[in-house]
Amino acid sequence: MSQTQTAELMAALELGDATPDIARLARIARIAAATSGNDDDAAATAFIAGYAAGLAEGTGQAGFDRAHHASLRGIEQFLARAVTANRTTP
């Protein structure tokens, strides 16, 4: 998705001035798919990241930027453990 399409989608969903880290999210999604061997995991990872951030923001736990970065950090940590486990499993 191009930056223009991303901006249009954000506007269509009325997400205001939210500035997701698209490059970081895309990198995480690629790692998720590569780790599992299932391309569908990229989309699931992106959805989960957005859902977690939206839930945290919507319940007042954090503003968007903090919630978004926390969800990405949590997924990165999860994937790091999964990658390590895959490397140590014969």
N, C-alpha and C. Protein backbone atom coordinates (compact mmCIF):
# COMPACT_ATOMS: atom_id res chain seq x y z
N MET A 1 0.85 -1.16 0.00
CA MET A 1 0.00 0.00 0.00
C MET A 1 0.90 1.23 0.00
N SER A 2 0.62 2.17 -0.87
CA SER A 2 1.43 3.38 -0.96
C SER A 2 1.11 4.31 0.20
N GLN A 3 1.97 5.32 0.39
CA GLN A 3 1.72 6.30 1.45
C GLN A 3 0.42 7.05 1.20
N THR A 4 0.12 7.32 -0.06
CA THR A 4 -1.12 8.00 -0.40
C THR A 4 -2.32 7.14 -0.02
N GLN A 5 -2.25 5.85 -0.37
CA GLN A 5 -3.35 4.95 -0.04
C GLN A 5 -3.50 4.81 1.48
N THR A 6 -2.38 4.75 2.18
CA THR A 6 -2.43 4.66 3.63
C THR A 6 -3.10 5.89 4.21
N ALA A 7 -2.72 7.06 3.73
CA ALA A 7 -3.32 8.31 4.21
C ALA A 7 -4.82 8.35 3.90
N GLU A 8 -5.20 7.89 2.70
CA GLU A 8 -6.61 7.86 2.32
C GLU A 8 -7.39 6.90 3.21
N LEU A 9 -6.81 5.75 3.51
CA LEU A 9 -7.47 4.78 4.38
C LEU A 9 -7.62 5.34 5.78
N MET A 10 -6.57 5.98 6.29
CA MET A 10 -6.63 6.58 7.63
C MET A 10 -7.75 7.63 7.67
N ALA A 11 -7.87 8.44 6.61
CA ALA A 11 -8.93 9.45 6.56
C ALA A 11 -10.31 8.80 6.47
N ALA A 12 -10.43 7.76 5.64
CA ALA A 12 -11.71 7.07 5.49
C ALA A 12 -12.18 6.46 6.81
N LEU A 13 -11.23 6.02 7.62
CA LEU A 13 -11.57 5.41 8.90
C LEU A 13 -11.65 6.43 10.03
N GLU A 14 -11.51 7.72 9.66
CA GLU A 14 -11.60 8.83 10.61
C GLU A 14 -10.63 8.66 11.77
N LEU A 15 -9.37 8.33 11.42
CA LEU A 15 -8.35 8.12 12.45
C LEU A 15 -7.58 9.40 12.78
N GLY A 16 -8.04 10.51 12.25
CA GLY A 16 -7.48 11.80 12.63
C GLY A 16 -6.00 11.92 12.37
N ASP A 17 -5.29 12.39 13.37
CA ASP A 17 -3.86 12.66 13.24
C ASP A 17 -2.99 11.49 13.68
N ALA A 18 -3.56 10.32 13.79
CA ALA A 18 -2.77 9.16 14.19
C ALA A 18 -1.64 8.95 13.19
N THR A 19 -0.46 8.64 13.70
CA THR A 19 0.69 8.44 12.83
C THR A 19 1.33 7.09 13.13
N PRO A 20 0.75 6.02 12.61
CA PRO A 20 1.32 4.71 12.85
C PRO A 20 2.67 4.56 12.17
N ASP A 21 3.51 3.76 12.76
CA ASP A 21 4.83 3.48 12.20
C ASP A 21 4.67 2.34 11.19
N ILE A 22 4.30 2.70 9.99
CA ILE A 22 3.97 1.72 8.95
C ILE A 22 5.18 0.85 8.61
N ALA A 23 6.36 1.44 8.50
CA ALA A 23 7.55 0.66 8.15
C ALA A 23 7.84 -0.39 9.23
N ARG A 24 7.74 0.00 10.49
CA ARG A 24 7.99 -0.94 11.58
C ARG A 24 6.93 -2.03 11.60
N LEU A 25 5.68 -1.65 11.40
CA LEU A 25 4.60 -2.63 11.37
C LEU A 25 4.79 -3.62 10.22
N ALA A 26 5.18 -3.12 9.05
CA ALA A 26 5.41 -4.00 7.90
C ALA A 26 6.55 -4.97 8.17
N ARG A 27 7.62 -4.48 8.79
CA ARG A 27 8.75 -5.34 9.13
C ARG A 27 8.32 -6.43 10.11
N ILE A 28 7.55 -6.06 11.11
CA ILE A 28 7.07 -7.04 12.08
C ILE A 28 6.18 -8.08 11.40
N ALA A 29 5.32 -7.62 10.51
CA ALA A 29 4.42 -8.55 9.80
C ALA A 29 5.22 -9.53 8.95
N ARG A 30 6.26 -9.04 8.27
CA ARG A 30 7.10 -9.95 7.47
C ARG A 30 7.79 -10.98 8.35
N ILE A 31 8.27 -10.55 9.51
CA ILE A 31 8.94 -11.48 10.43
C ILE A 31 7.94 -12.53 10.92
N ALA A 32 6.73 -12.10 11.24
CA ALA A 32 5.71 -13.05 11.71
C ALA A 32 5.43 -14.11 10.66
N ALA A 33 5.29 -13.69 9.40
CA ALA A 33 5.02 -14.64 8.32
C ALA A 33 6.21 -15.57 8.11
N ALA A 34 7.41 -15.03 8.16
CA ALA A 34 8.61 -15.86 7.96
C ALA A 34 8.80 -16.84 9.11
N THR A 35 8.50 -16.41 10.32
CA THR A 35 8.69 -17.26 11.49
C THR A 35 7.75 -18.47 11.45
N SER A 36 6.52 -18.23 11.04
CA SER A 36 5.54 -19.32 11.03
C SER A 36 5.51 -20.08 9.72
N GLY A 37 5.98 -19.43 8.65
CA GLY A 37 5.88 -20.05 7.34
C GLY A 37 4.50 -19.87 6.73
N ASN A 38 3.68 -18.99 7.33
CA ASN A 38 2.32 -18.78 6.87
C ASN A 38 2.13 -17.29 6.56
N ASP A 39 1.92 -16.96 5.29
CA ASP A 39 1.77 -15.55 4.90
C ASP A 39 0.58 -14.87 5.59
N ASP A 40 -0.44 -15.63 5.93
CA ASP A 40 -1.61 -15.05 6.61
C ASP A 40 -1.24 -14.44 7.96
N ASP A 41 -0.16 -14.88 8.55
CA ASP A 41 0.25 -14.36 9.85
C ASP A 41 0.68 -12.89 9.77
N ALA A 42 1.06 -12.43 8.59
CA ALA A 42 1.40 -11.01 8.44
C ALA A 42 0.17 -10.15 8.66
N ALA A 43 -0.94 -10.52 8.04
CA ALA A 43 -2.17 -9.75 8.20
C ALA A 43 -2.69 -9.86 9.64
N ALA A 44 -2.62 -11.04 10.20
CA ALA A 44 -3.09 -11.23 11.58
C ALA A 44 -2.27 -10.39 12.55
N THR A 45 -0.96 -10.34 12.32
CA THR A 45 -0.09 -9.55 13.19
C THR A 45 -0.43 -8.07 13.11
N ALA A 46 -0.65 -7.57 11.90
CA ALA A 46 -1.01 -6.17 11.72
C ALA A 46 -2.34 -5.87 12.40
N PHE A 47 -3.30 -6.77 12.26
CA PHE A 47 -4.60 -6.58 12.90
C PHE A 47 -4.46 -6.54 14.41
N ILE A 48 -3.73 -7.49 14.97
CA ILE A 48 -3.56 -7.56 16.42
C ILE A 48 -2.88 -6.31 16.95
N ALA A 49 -1.86 -5.83 16.24
CA ALA A 49 -1.17 -4.61 16.67
C ALA A 49 -2.14 -3.43 16.72
N GLY A 50 -2.94 -3.28 15.70
CA GLY A 50 -3.91 -2.19 15.67
C GLY A 50 -5.00 -2.35 16.71
N TYR A 51 -5.46 -3.56 16.87
CA TYR A 51 -6.51 -3.82 17.86
C TYR A 51 -6.02 -3.52 19.27
N ALA A 52 -4.82 -3.98 19.58
CA ALA A 52 -4.26 -3.74 20.91
C ALA A 52 -4.08 -2.25 21.17
N ALA A 53 -3.57 -1.53 20.19
CA ALA A 53 -3.38 -0.09 20.35
C ALA A 53 -4.71 0.62 20.49
N GLY A 54 -5.68 0.25 19.67
CA GLY A 54 -7.00 0.87 19.74
C GLY A 54 -7.70 0.60 21.05
N LEU A 55 -7.56 -0.61 21.55
CA LEU A 55 -8.17 -0.96 22.83
C LEU A 55 -7.55 -0.16 23.97
N ALA A 56 -6.22 -0.06 23.96
CA ALA A 56 -5.53 0.70 25.01
C ALA A 56 -5.92 2.17 24.94
N GLU A 57 -5.99 2.72 23.74
CA GLU A 57 -6.36 4.14 23.61
C GLU A 57 -7.83 4.32 23.98
N GLY A 58 -8.68 3.45 23.49
CA GLY A 58 -10.12 3.58 23.73
C GLY A 58 -10.52 3.45 25.18
N THR A 59 -9.75 2.69 25.95
CA THR A 59 -10.08 2.52 27.37
C THR A 59 -9.34 3.53 28.24
N GLY A 60 -8.59 4.43 27.60
CA GLY A 60 -7.91 5.48 28.34
C GLY A 60 -6.60 5.06 28.99
N GLN A 61 -6.08 3.90 28.63
CA GLN A 61 -4.82 3.43 29.20
C GLN A 61 -3.63 4.24 28.69
N ALA A 62 -3.74 4.73 27.44
CA ALA A 62 -2.63 5.48 26.84
C ALA A 62 -3.14 6.21 25.61
N GLY A 63 -2.41 7.26 25.22
CA GLY A 63 -2.71 7.94 23.97
C GLY A 63 -2.27 7.06 22.81
N PHE A 64 -2.65 7.46 21.58
CA PHE A 64 -2.38 6.61 20.43
C PHE A 64 -0.90 6.27 20.28
N ASP A 65 -0.04 7.29 20.28
CA ASP A 65 1.38 7.03 20.02
C ASP A 65 1.96 6.04 21.03
N ARG A 66 1.68 6.24 22.28
CA ARG A 66 2.20 5.33 23.31
C ARG A 66 1.61 3.93 23.16
N ALA A 67 0.30 3.85 22.92
CA ALA A 67 -0.35 2.56 22.76
C ALA A 67 0.16 1.82 21.53
N HIS A 68 0.34 2.55 20.42
CA HIS A 68 0.82 1.95 19.18
C HIS A 68 2.23 1.39 19.36
N HIS A 69 3.10 2.19 19.94
CA HIS A 69 4.49 1.74 20.12
C HIS A 69 4.56 0.59 21.13
N ALA A 70 3.71 0.60 22.14
CA ALA A 70 3.70 -0.50 23.10
C ALA A 70 3.22 -1.79 22.44
N SER A 71 2.21 -1.70 21.58
CA SER A 71 1.74 -2.92 20.92
C SER A 71 2.81 -3.49 19.99
N LEU A 72 3.51 -2.60 19.26
CA LEU A 72 4.58 -3.07 18.38
C LEU A 72 5.72 -3.68 19.18
N ARG A 73 6.08 -3.04 20.28
CA ARG A 73 7.16 -3.57 21.12
C ARG A 73 6.78 -4.95 21.68
N GLY A 74 5.54 -5.10 22.11
CA GLY A 74 5.09 -6.39 22.63
C GLY A 74 5.15 -7.48 21.57
N ILE A 75 4.73 -7.15 20.36
CA ILE A 75 4.78 -8.14 19.27
C ILE A 75 6.22 -8.46 18.91
N GLU A 76 7.09 -7.45 18.87
CA GLU A 76 8.51 -7.70 18.59
C GLU A 76 9.12 -8.64 19.62
N GLN A 77 8.79 -8.44 20.88
CA GLN A 77 9.32 -9.32 21.94
C GLN A 77 8.79 -10.74 21.78
N PHE A 78 7.52 -10.86 21.47
CA PHE A 78 6.92 -12.17 21.24
C PHE A 78 7.60 -12.88 20.08
N LEU A 79 7.79 -12.16 18.97
CA LEU A 79 8.42 -12.75 17.80
C LEU A 79 9.88 -13.12 18.06
N ALA A 80 10.57 -12.30 18.84
CA ALA A 80 11.97 -12.62 19.17
C ALA A 80 12.04 -13.95 19.91
N ARG A 81 11.10 -14.16 20.82
CA ARG A 81 11.07 -15.46 21.54
C ARG A 81 10.75 -16.60 20.59
N ALA A 82 9.83 -16.36 19.65
CA ALA A 82 9.45 -17.40 18.69
C ALA A 82 10.61 -17.74 17.77
N VAL A 83 11.33 -16.72 17.31
CA VAL A 83 12.49 -16.96 16.43
C VAL A 83 13.55 -17.74 17.18
N THR A 84 13.80 -17.35 18.43
CA THR A 84 14.81 -18.06 19.25
C THR A 84 14.39 -19.50 19.46
N ALA A 85 13.12 -19.73 19.75
CA ALA A 85 12.63 -21.10 19.95
C ALA A 85 12.79 -21.93 18.69
N ASN A 86 12.51 -21.32 17.53
CA ASN A 86 12.65 -22.05 16.26
C ASN A 86 14.10 -22.42 15.98
N ARG A 87 15.02 -21.59 16.41
CA ARG A 87 16.43 -21.86 16.16
C ARG A 87 16.96 -22.96 17.07
N THR A 88 16.38 -23.10 18.25
CA THR A 88 16.87 -24.10 19.20
C THR A 88 16.13 -25.43 19.10
N THR A 89 15.05 -25.46 18.33
CA THR A 89 14.31 -26.70 18.16
C THR A 89 14.93 -27.48 17.00
N PRO A 90 15.31 -28.75 17.27
CA PRO A 90 15.93 -29.55 16.20
C PRO A 90 14.97 -29.91 15.10
